[in-house]
Amino acid sequence: MFEINLAAPCGIYCGACRQYLLWKKDLLEERGYKVGCKGCRIRNKNCAFIRRDCSLLRKKEIEFCFECEIFPCEKLKKIDNHYQEKYYVNMINNLKRIKEIGAKKWLKEQEELYTCPICKGEICIHDAECFDCGNKINPNLKNLG
């Protein structure tokens, strides 16, 4: 299903974010969280990590960070390094891929990547496990290199 709101300006696939999955599956209280998320775009956050430091995103002059003249900026590089080290997610490569094939095709790829091979449930980037069956899996490990 194509849902542009799940393609964050910074290159994260919101559909595999813990806060999004907790909100979507109505598991916030059950798992001890108070705040969920419907995706960066739908909440007008335009990437919570970068928006506050990026006037182009704040003013909605760009849709994705790759549209900026200084892509990748230092803020994006810092977040990307963190996500690569902790979750094996390469935001900068994701953005290059979105630029190459378009958001719609990229979202389809991400949806397939974050689908559990056992139960077809949704895999969380942050927990490296399926939200439905609990299968421990990190789909990004096969993409390193």
Protein backbone atom coordinates (compact mmCIF):
# COMPACT_ATOMS: atom_id res chain seq x y z
CA MET A 1 0.00 0.00 0.00
CA PHE A 2 1.43 3.39 -0.99
CA GLU A 3 1.43 5.80 1.92
CA ILE A 4 3.78 8.76 1.38
CA ASN A 5 3.42 9.66 5.06
CA LEU A 6 5.57 6.64 5.88
CA ALA A 7 8.56 8.00 3.92
CA ALA A 8 10.27 10.42 6.29
CA PRO A 9 12.22 13.34 4.77
CA CYS A 10 15.38 11.96 6.41
CA GLY A 11 15.14 8.53 4.76
CA ILE A 12 13.60 6.50 7.56
CA TYR A 13 10.74 4.14 6.77
CA CYS A 14 8.18 5.18 9.39
CA GLY A 15 6.23 1.96 8.80
CA ALA A 16 8.91 0.05 10.72
CA CYS A 17 9.38 2.60 13.51
CA ARG A 18 8.57 1.41 17.03
CA GLN A 19 6.44 4.46 17.84
CA TYR A 20 4.43 4.07 14.64
CA LEU A 21 3.87 0.33 15.16
CA LEU A 22 2.83 0.87 18.79
CA TRP A 23 0.28 3.46 17.66
CA LYS A 24 -0.95 1.44 14.66
CA LYS A 25 -1.43 -1.77 16.65
CA ASP A 26 -2.85 0.05 19.70
CA LEU A 27 -0.10 -1.34 21.94
CA LEU A 28 1.14 1.84 23.62
CA GLU A 29 -0.31 1.23 27.06
CA GLU A 30 0.27 -2.53 26.95
CA ARG A 31 3.98 -2.04 26.23
CA GLY A 32 4.44 0.85 28.67
CA TYR A 33 4.63 3.79 26.25
CA LYS A 34 2.68 7.03 26.45
CA VAL A 35 3.24 8.53 23.02
CA GLY A 36 2.96 6.92 19.60
CA CYS A 37 3.41 8.37 16.14
CA LYS A 38 1.42 8.27 12.91
CA GLY A 39 4.50 9.07 10.82
CA CYS A 40 6.65 12.19 10.46
CA ARG A 41 4.64 13.75 7.66
CA ILE A 42 1.11 13.18 8.93
CA ARG A 43 1.93 14.81 12.25
CA ASN A 44 3.58 17.68 10.35
CA LYS A 45 6.87 16.85 12.04
CA ASN A 46 8.77 16.59 8.76
CA CYS A 47 11.42 14.49 10.44
CA ALA A 48 11.61 15.22 14.14
CA PHE A 49 15.40 14.79 14.19
CA ILE A 50 16.20 17.29 11.46
CA ARG A 51 13.28 19.70 11.05
CA ARG A 52 14.19 21.98 13.95
CA ASP A 53 17.59 22.63 12.35
CA CYS A 54 16.46 22.81 8.71
CA SER A 55 14.65 25.88 7.44
CA LEU A 56 13.96 24.19 4.09
CA LEU A 57 12.01 21.39 5.76
CA ARG A 58 10.29 23.77 8.19
CA LYS A 59 9.13 25.96 5.31
CA LYS A 60 8.26 22.87 3.24
CA GLU A 61 10.55 24.00 0.42
CA ILE A 62 11.84 20.43 0.05
CA GLU A 63 10.12 17.08 0.51
CA PHE A 64 13.23 14.95 1.12
CA CYS A 65 16.72 15.82 2.36
CA PHE A 66 18.29 14.75 -0.95
CA GLU A 67 16.66 17.81 -2.57
CA CYS A 68 18.92 20.12 -0.55
CA GLU A 69 22.08 21.62 -2.08
CA ILE A 70 24.17 20.52 0.92
CA PHE A 71 22.89 16.92 1.01
CA PRO A 72 23.97 15.19 3.11
CA CYS A 73 24.26 17.86 5.80
CA GLU A 74 26.18 17.30 9.03
CA LYS A 75 23.00 16.75 11.06
CA LEU A 76 21.83 14.03 8.66
CA LYS A 77 25.29 12.42 8.66
CA LYS A 78 25.27 12.29 12.46
CA ILE A 79 21.81 10.68 12.64
CA ASP A 80 22.68 8.34 9.77
CA ASN A 81 25.84 7.16 11.59
CA HIS A 82 23.79 6.49 14.73
CA TYR A 83 21.16 4.50 12.81
CA GLN A 84 23.82 2.55 10.92
CA GLU A 85 25.65 1.61 14.12
CA LYS A 86 22.61 0.81 16.22
CA TYR A 87 19.98 -0.45 13.74
CA TYR A 88 21.92 -1.13 10.51
CA VAL A 89 19.76 1.42 8.66
CA ASN A 90 21.49 3.67 6.12
CA MET A 91 19.35 6.79 5.81
CA ILE A 92 21.58 8.45 3.21
CA ASN A 93 21.45 5.38 0.97
CA ASN A 94 17.69 5.24 1.50
CA LEU A 95 17.42 8.84 0.29
CA LYS A 96 19.57 8.10 -2.75
CA ARG A 97 17.31 5.15 -3.51
CA ILE A 98 14.17 7.31 -3.18
CA LYS A 99 15.72 9.80 -5.59
CA GLU A 100 16.58 6.98 -8.01
CA ILE A 101 13.27 5.07 -8.07
CA GLY A 102 10.74 7.40 -6.44
CA ALA A 103 8.99 7.26 -3.09
CA LYS A 104 6.24 4.90 -4.20
CA LYS A 105 8.61 2.13 -5.33
CA TRP A 106 10.90 2.69 -2.35
CA LEU A 107 8.01 2.34 0.06
CA LYS A 108 7.04 -0.95 -1.59
CA GLU A 109 10.63 -2.18 -1.15
CA GLN A 110 10.62 -1.16 2.50
CA GLU A 111 7.27 -2.79 3.15
CA GLU A 112 8.64 -6.05 1.73
CA LEU A 113 11.93 -5.70 3.64
CA TYR A 114 10.16 -5.21 6.97
CA THR A 115 7.67 -8.06 6.53
CA CYS A 116 8.31 -11.06 8.76
CA PRO A 117 9.13 -14.18 6.73
CA ILE A 118 7.38 -16.36 9.31
CA CYS A 119 4.01 -14.69 9.92
CA LYS A 120 4.00 -11.81 7.39
CA GLY A 121 3.72 -9.34 10.29
CA GLU A 122 5.66 -6.08 10.60
CA ILE A 123 9.27 -5.94 11.75
CA CYS A 124 10.41 -3.05 13.92
CA ILE A 125 13.64 -1.22 12.98
CA HIS A 126 14.40 -0.38 16.61
CA ASP A 127 13.69 -3.76 18.21
CA ALA A 128 14.73 -6.03 15.30
CA GLU A 129 11.70 -8.20 15.92
CA CYS A 130 8.30 -8.88 14.44
CA PHE A 131 5.55 -6.99 16.25
CA ASP A 132 3.14 -9.86 15.59
CA CYS A 133 4.98 -13.12 16.34
CA GLY A 134 8.07 -11.87 18.21
CA ASN A 135 10.51 -13.39 15.69
CA LYS A 136 13.92 -11.78 16.25
CA ILE A 137 15.13 -10.58 12.86
CA ASN A 138 17.02 -7.63 11.46
CA PRO A 139 16.34 -7.43 7.72
CA ASN A 140 19.07 -4.80 7.30
CA LEU A 141 21.94 -7.12 8.16
CA LYS A 142 21.72 -8.71 4.74
CA ASN A 143 22.02 -5.24 3.20
CA LEU A 144 25.33 -4.29 4.81
CA GLY A 145 28.37 -4.10 2.65
